[in-house]
Amino acid sequence: MKLLVIAAPHEQQQVQPLLGALNVSLPPTTIGQMMGLIQRASLMICHDSGPLHMAVGLQTPTVSLLGPTDPKRVGPYHQEQWVVQPKGIDQATLSQSYRARKDDQSLIAQITIEQVWDRIEMRLDSRD
Protein backbone atom coordinates (compact mmCIF):
# COMPACT_ATOMS: atom_id res chain seq x y z
CA MET A 1 0.00 0.00 0.00
CA LYS A 2 1.32 3.44 -0.90
CA LEU A 3 0.89 6.47 1.32
CA LEU A 4 0.51 10.00 0.05
CA VAL A 5 0.49 13.00 2.38
CA ILE A 6 -1.13 16.22 1.19
CA ALA A 7 -1.00 19.39 3.27
CA ALA A 8 -1.81 23.03 2.68
CA PRO A 9 1.16 25.39 2.97
CA HIS A 10 0.06 26.51 6.45
CA GLU A 11 -0.24 22.85 7.59
CA GLN A 12 3.17 21.65 6.42
CA GLN A 13 4.90 22.42 9.73
CA GLN A 14 2.28 20.33 11.57
CA VAL A 15 2.85 17.25 9.41
CA GLN A 16 6.66 17.36 9.54
CA PRO A 17 6.90 14.78 12.38
CA LEU A 18 4.81 12.35 10.30
CA LEU A 19 6.85 13.03 7.18
CA GLY A 20 10.09 12.51 9.08
CA ALA A 21 8.90 9.25 10.64
CA LEU A 22 7.80 7.90 7.25
CA ASN A 23 10.75 9.38 5.35
CA VAL A 24 8.46 10.98 2.74
CA SER A 25 8.08 14.48 1.37
CA LEU A 26 5.13 16.58 0.30
CA PRO A 27 4.64 16.70 -3.45
CA PRO A 28 3.53 20.06 -4.83
CA THR A 29 0.11 19.64 -6.46
CA THR A 30 -2.46 21.72 -8.23
CA ILE A 31 -6.13 21.46 -7.24
CA GLY A 32 -6.79 19.28 -10.30
CA GLN A 33 -3.89 16.96 -9.48
CA MET A 34 -5.04 16.72 -5.87
CA MET A 35 -8.56 15.79 -6.99
CA GLY A 36 -7.11 13.09 -9.26
CA LEU A 37 -5.07 11.67 -6.38
CA ILE A 38 -8.09 11.73 -4.07
CA GLN A 39 -10.26 10.01 -6.67
CA ARG A 40 -7.74 7.18 -7.09
CA ALA A 41 -7.11 6.72 -3.36
CA SER A 42 -8.22 3.51 -1.66
CA LEU A 43 -8.77 5.42 1.57
CA MET A 44 -8.38 9.03 2.62
CA ILE A 45 -7.68 9.95 6.23
CA CYS A 46 -8.11 13.65 6.88
CA HIS A 47 -9.49 16.43 9.02
CA ASP A 48 -12.42 18.73 8.21
CA SER A 49 -11.13 20.39 5.08
CA GLY A 50 -11.84 20.99 1.42
CA PRO A 51 -10.09 17.74 0.41
CA LEU A 52 -12.38 15.77 2.77
CA HIS A 53 -15.46 17.16 1.05
CA MET A 54 -13.87 16.53 -2.36
CA ALA A 55 -13.31 12.91 -1.34
CA VAL A 56 -16.94 12.53 -0.28
CA GLY A 57 -18.09 14.01 -3.58
CA LEU A 58 -15.73 11.72 -5.50
CA GLN A 59 -16.97 8.72 -3.47
CA THR A 60 -13.51 7.99 -2.08
CA PRO A 61 -13.70 6.10 1.23
CA THR A 62 -12.73 8.36 4.14
CA VAL A 63 -11.89 8.33 7.81
CA SER A 64 -12.36 11.85 9.17
CA LEU A 65 -10.63 13.26 12.25
CA LEU A 66 -12.75 16.03 13.74
CA GLY A 67 -12.18 18.20 16.78
CA PRO A 68 -14.68 21.03 17.29
CA THR A 69 -16.51 20.24 14.06
CA ASP A 70 -20.04 18.86 14.34
CA PRO A 71 -20.42 16.29 11.55
CA LYS A 72 -24.21 16.61 11.73
CA ARG A 73 -23.86 20.26 10.71
CA VAL A 74 -21.10 20.20 8.12
CA GLY A 75 -20.47 16.59 7.17
CA PRO A 76 -19.03 14.43 5.89
CA TYR A 77 -22.69 13.69 5.20
CA HIS A 78 -23.90 10.11 5.35
CA GLN A 79 -20.50 9.00 6.65
CA GLU A 80 -20.82 9.68 10.38
CA GLN A 81 -19.75 6.11 11.16
CA TRP A 82 -16.31 6.93 9.74
CA VAL A 83 -15.79 10.07 11.84
CA VAL A 84 -13.31 9.91 14.72
CA GLN A 85 -13.69 12.46 17.52
CA PRO A 86 -12.30 12.69 21.04
CA LYS A 87 -13.90 10.27 23.48
CA GLY A 88 -16.60 11.86 25.58
CA ILE A 89 -17.29 14.83 23.33
CA ASP A 90 -20.96 15.77 23.49
CA GLN A 91 -23.38 17.79 21.40
CA ALA A 92 -23.23 20.77 23.80
CA THR A 93 -19.45 20.98 23.43
CA LEU A 94 -19.75 20.79 19.65
CA SER A 95 -22.41 23.51 19.59
CA GLN A 96 -20.24 25.84 21.67
CA SER A 97 -16.97 24.97 19.96
CA TYR A 98 -17.71 25.08 16.26
CA ARG A 99 -16.34 28.22 14.61
CA ALA A 100 -15.61 29.80 18.01
CA ARG A 101 -12.71 27.35 18.37
CA LYS A 102 -12.02 26.51 14.73
CA ASP A 103 -8.27 27.04 15.12
CA ASP A 104 -8.11 25.33 18.52
CA GLN A 105 -6.23 22.04 18.17
CA SER A 106 -6.90 20.86 21.74
CA LEU A 107 -9.95 18.73 20.88
CA ILE A 108 -8.51 17.03 17.82
CA ALA A 109 -5.27 16.43 19.76
CA GLN A 110 -7.27 14.22 22.16
CA ILE A 111 -7.93 11.65 19.42
CA THR A 112 -5.76 8.61 20.02
CA ILE A 113 -3.81 6.65 17.46
CA GLU A 114 -5.76 3.58 18.57
CA GLN A 115 -9.09 5.28 17.78
CA VAL A 116 -7.89 6.20 14.31
CA TRP A 117 -6.35 2.82 13.58
CA ASP A 118 -9.51 0.99 14.72
CA ARG A 119 -11.62 3.10 12.38
CA ILE A 120 -9.18 2.58 9.50
CA GLU A 121 -9.37 -1.18 9.97
CA MET A 122 -13.19 -1.07 10.12
CA ARG A 123 -13.30 1.09 6.98
CA LEU A 124 -10.98 -1.21 5.03
CA ASP A 125 -12.91 -4.29 6.19
CA SER A 126 -16.20 -2.71 5.05
CA ARG A 127 -14.98 -2.71 1.44
CA ASP A 128 -14.85 -6.52 1.29
C-alpha atoms as a PDB file:
ATOM      1  CA  MET A   1       0.000   0.000   0.000  1.00  0.00           C
ATOM      2  CA  LYS A   2       1.319   3.445  -0.904  1.00  0.00           C
ATOM      3  CA  LEU A   3       0.893   6.471   1.325  1.00  0.00           C
ATOM      4  CA  LEU A   4       0.511   9.998   0.053  1.00  0.00           C
ATOM      5  CA  VAL A   5       0.490  13.004   2.380  1.00  0.00           C
ATOM      6  CA  ILE A   6      -1.131  16.224   1.189  1.00  0.00           C
ATOM      7  CA  ALA A   7      -1.001  19.390   3.274  1.00  0.00           C
ATOM      8  CA  ALA A   8      -1.806  23.026   2.675  1.00  0.00           C
ATOM      9  CA  PRO A   9       1.160  25.391   2.968  1.00  0.00           C
ATOM     10  CA  HIS A  10       0.063  26.511   6.452  1.00  0.00           C
ATOM     11  CA  GLU A  11      -0.237  22.850   7.587  1.00  0.00           C
ATOM     12  CA  GLN A  12       3.172  21.649   6.420  1.00  0.00           C
ATOM     13  CA  GLN A  13       4.898  22.419   9.732  1.00  0.00           C
ATOM     14  CA  GLN A  14       2.282  20.328  11.571  1.00  0.00           C
ATOM     15  CA  VAL A  15       2.855  17.246   9.414  1.00  0.00           C
ATOM     16  CA  GLN A  16       6.663  17.362   9.542  1.00  0.00           C
ATOM     17  CA  PRO A  17       6.902  14.779  12.377  1.00  0.00           C
ATOM     18  CA  LEU A  18       4.812  12.350  10.296  1.00  0.00           C
ATOM     19  CA  LEU A  19       6.847  13.029   7.180  1.00  0.00           C
ATOM     20  CA  GLY A  20      10.090  12.507   9.078  1.00  0.00           C
ATOM     21  CA  ALA A  21       8.901   9.249  10.642  1.00  0.00           C
ATOM     22  CA  LEU A  22       7.803   7.900   7.246  1.00  0.00           C
ATOM     23  CA  ASN A  23      10.751   9.378   5.345  1.00  0.00           C
ATOM     24  CA  VAL A  24       8.463  10.975   2.739  1.00  0.00           C
ATOM     25  CA  SER A  25       8.085  14.478   1.370  1.00  0.00           C
ATOM     26  CA  LEU A  26       5.131  16.576   0.303  1.00  0.00           C
ATOM     27  CA  PRO A  27       4.636  16.700  -3.451  1.00  0.00           C
ATOM     28  CA  PRO A  28       3.532  20.059  -4.833  1.00  0.00           C
ATOM     29  CA  THR A  29       0.111  19.640  -6.456  1.00  0.00           C
ATOM     30  CA  THR A  30      -2.456  21.719  -8.231  1.00  0.00           C
ATOM     31  CA  ILE A  31      -6.128  21.457  -7.238  1.00  0.00           C
ATOM     32  CA  GLY A  32      -6.795  19.276 -10.300  1.00  0.00           C
ATOM     33  CA  GLN A  33      -3.890  16.957  -9.484  1.00  0.00           C
ATOM     34  CA  MET A  34      -5.036  16.719  -5.868  1.00  0.00           C
ATOM     35  CA  MET A  35      -8.560  15.785  -6.991  1.00  0.00           C
ATOM     36  CA  GLY A  36      -7.112  13.092  -9.257  1.00  0.00           C
ATOM     37  CA  LEU A  37      -5.066  11.674  -6.379  1.00  0.00           C
ATOM     38  CA  ILE A  38      -8.085  11.727  -4.068  1.00  0.00           C
ATOM     39  CA  GLN A  39     -10.263  10.009  -6.668  1.00  0.00           C
ATOM     40  CA  ARG A  40      -7.740   7.183  -7.094  1.00  0.00           C
ATOM     41  CA  ALA A  41      -7.114   6.721  -3.356  1.00  0.00           C
ATOM     42  CA  SER A  42      -8.217   3.508  -1.661  1.00  0.00           C
ATOM     43  CA  LEU A  43      -8.774   5.417   1.574  1.00  0.00           C
ATOM     44  CA  MET A  44      -8.380   9.028   2.619  1.00  0.00           C
ATOM     45  CA  ILE A  45      -7.684   9.953   6.226  1.00  0.00           C
ATOM     46  CA  CYS A  46      -8.108  13.651   6.878  1.00  0.00           C
ATOM     47  CA  HIS A  47      -9.489  16.434   9.017  1.00  0.00           C
ATOM     48  CA  ASP A  48     -12.415  18.728   8.213  1.00  0.00           C
ATOM     49  CA  SER A  49     -11.132  20.393   5.076  1.00  0.00           C
ATOM     50  CA  GLY A  50     -11.842  20.991   1.424  1.00  0.00           C
ATOM     51  CA  PRO A  51     -10.093  17.742   0.412  1.00  0.00           C
ATOM     52  CA  LEU A  52     -12.383  15.774   2.767  1.00  0.00           C
ATOM     53  CA  HIS A  53     -15.459  17.161   1.052  1.00  0.00           C
ATOM     54  CA  MET A  54     -13.874  16.527  -2.359  1.00  0.00           C
ATOM     55  CA  ALA A  55     -13.311  12.906  -1.336  1.00  0.00           C
ATOM     56  CA  VAL A  56     -16.942  12.529  -0.276  1.00  0.00           C
ATOM     57  CA  GLY A  57     -18.090  14.012  -3.580  1.00  0.00           C
ATOM     58  CA  LEU A  58     -15.730  11.723  -5.500  1.00  0.00           C
ATOM     59  CA  GLN A  59     -16.972   8.722  -3.468  1.00  0.00           C
ATOM     60  CA  THR A  60     -13.508   7.995  -2.084  1.00  0.00           C
ATOM     61  CA  PRO A  61     -13.702   6.101   1.230  1.00  0.00           C
ATOM     62  CA  THR A  62     -12.729   8.364   4.139  1.00  0.00           C
ATOM     63  CA  VAL A  63     -11.887   8.331   7.813  1.00  0.00           C
ATOM     64  CA  SER A  64     -12.358  11.846   9.171  1.00  0.00           C
ATOM     65  CA  LEU A  65     -10.631  13.258  12.247  1.00  0.00           C
ATOM     66  CA  LEU A  66     -12.749  16.029  13.742  1.00  0.00           C
ATOM     67  CA  GLY A  67     -12.177  18.203  16.781  1.00  0.00           C
ATOM     68  CA  PRO A  68     -14.677  21.027  17.294  1.00  0.00           C
ATOM     69  CA  THR A  69     -16.507  20.242  14.063  1.00  0.00           C
ATOM     70  CA  ASP A  70     -20.040  18.865  14.341  1.00  0.00           C
ATOM     71  CA  PRO A  71     -20.421  16.292  11.547  1.00  0.00           C
ATOM     72  CA  LYS A  72     -24.215  16.608  11.726  1.00  0.00           C
ATOM     73  CA  ARG A  73     -23.862  20.257  10.706  1.00  0.00           C
ATOM     74  CA  VAL A  74     -21.104  20.205   8.118  1.00  0.00           C
ATOM     75  CA  GLY A  75     -20.474  16.585   7.172  1.00  0.00           C
ATOM     76  CA  PRO A  76     -19.030  14.427   5.891  1.00  0.00           C
ATOM     77  CA  TYR A  77     -22.686  13.692   5.198  1.00  0.00           C
ATOM     78  CA  HIS A  78     -23.900  10.106   5.345  1.00  0.00           C
ATOM     79  CA  GLN A  79     -20.497   8.999   6.651  1.00  0.00           C
ATOM     80  CA  GLU A  80     -20.824   9.682  10.379  1.00  0.00           C
ATOM     81  CA  GLN A  81     -19.753   6.107  11.162  1.00  0.00           C
ATOM     82  CA  TRP A  82     -16.315   6.927   9.740  1.00  0.00           C
ATOM     83  CA  VAL A  83     -15.786  10.072  11.843  1.00  0.00           C
ATOM     84  CA  VAL A  84     -13.308   9.915  14.722  1.00  0.00           C
ATOM     85  CA  GLN A  85     -13.694  12.458  17.521  1.00  0.00           C
ATOM     86  CA  PRO A  86     -12.295  12.687  21.041  1.00  0.00           C
ATOM     87  CA  LYS A  87     -13.903  10.270  23.475  1.00  0.00           C
ATOM     88  CA  GLY A  88     -16.601  11.860  25.584  1.00  0.00           C
ATOM     89  CA  ILE A  89     -17.288  14.833  23.332  1.00  0.00           C
ATOM     90  CA  ASP A  90     -20.957  15.767  23.487  1.00  0.00           C
ATOM     91  CA  GLN A  91     -23.381  17.793  21.405  1.00  0.00           C
ATOM     92  CA  ALA A  92     -23.232  20.769  23.799  1.00  0.00           C
ATOM     93  CA  THR A  93     -19.451  20.980  23.432  1.00  0.00           C
ATOM     94  CA  LEU A  94     -19.747  20.794  19.651  1.00  0.00           C
ATOM     95  CA  SER A  95     -22.411  23.508  19.590  1.00  0.00           C
ATOM     96  CA  GLN A  96     -20.245  25.841  21.671  1.00  0.00           C
ATOM     97  CA  SER A  97     -16.974  24.971  19.961  1.00  0.00           C
ATOM     98  CA  TYR A  98     -17.711  25.080  16.261  1.00  0.00           C
ATOM     99  CA  ARG A  99     -16.344  28.218  14.606  1.00  0.00           C
ATOM    100  CA  ALA A 100     -15.612  29.798  18.006  1.00  0.00           C
ATOM    101  CA  ARG A 101     -12.707  27.347  18.371  1.00  0.00           C
ATOM    102  CA  LYS A 102     -12.018  26.508  14.727  1.00  0.00           C
ATOM    103  CA  ASP A 103      -8.265  27.042  15.122  1.00  0.00           C
ATOM    104  CA  ASP A 104      -8.109  25.333  18.519  1.00  0.00           C
ATOM    105  CA  GLN A 105      -6.234  22.037  18.165  1.00  0.00           C
ATOM    106  CA  SER A 106      -6.897  20.863  21.744  1.00  0.00           C
ATOM    107  CA  LEU A 107      -9.948  18.734  20.879  1.00  0.00           C
ATOM    108  CA  ILE A 108      -8.508  17.029  17.825  1.00  0.00           C
ATOM    109  CA  ALA A 109      -5.268  16.426  19.764  1.00  0.00           C
ATOM    110  CA  GLN A 110      -7.266  14.224  22.165  1.00  0.00           C
ATOM    111  CA  ILE A 111      -7.926  11.654  19.424  1.00  0.00           C
ATOM    112  CA  THR A 112      -5.756   8.614  20.025  1.00  0.00           C
ATOM    113  CA  ILE A 113      -3.812   6.649  17.456  1.00  0.00           C
ATOM    114  CA  GLU A 114      -5.755   3.580  18.569  1.00  0.00           C
ATOM    115  CA  GLN A 115      -9.091   5.279  17.775  1.00  0.00           C
ATOM    116  CA  VAL A 116      -7.891   6.204  14.310  1.00  0.00           C
ATOM    117  CA  TRP A 117      -6.351   2.818  13.578  1.00  0.00           C
ATOM    118  CA  ASP A 118      -9.505   0.991  14.723  1.00  0.00           C
ATOM    119  CA  ARG A 119     -11.623   3.103  12.381  1.00  0.00           C
ATOM    120  CA  ILE A 120      -9.184   2.579   9.498  1.00  0.00           C
ATOM    121  CA  GLU A 121      -9.368  -1.185   9.969  1.00  0.00           C
ATOM    122  CA  MET A 122     -13.189  -1.072  10.121  1.00  0.00           C
ATOM    123  CA  ARG A 123     -13.304   1.091   6.985  1.00  0.00           C
ATOM    124  CA  LEU A 124     -10.984  -1.206   5.034  1.00  0.00           C
ATOM    125  CA  ASP A 125     -12.910  -4.289   6.192  1.00  0.00           C
ATOM    126  CA  SER A 126     -16.199  -2.708   5.048  1.00  0.00           C
ATOM    127  CA  ARG A 127     -14.985  -2.710   1.438  1.00  0.00           C
ATOM    128  CA  ASP A 128     -14.850  -6.525   1.287  1.00  0.00           C
END
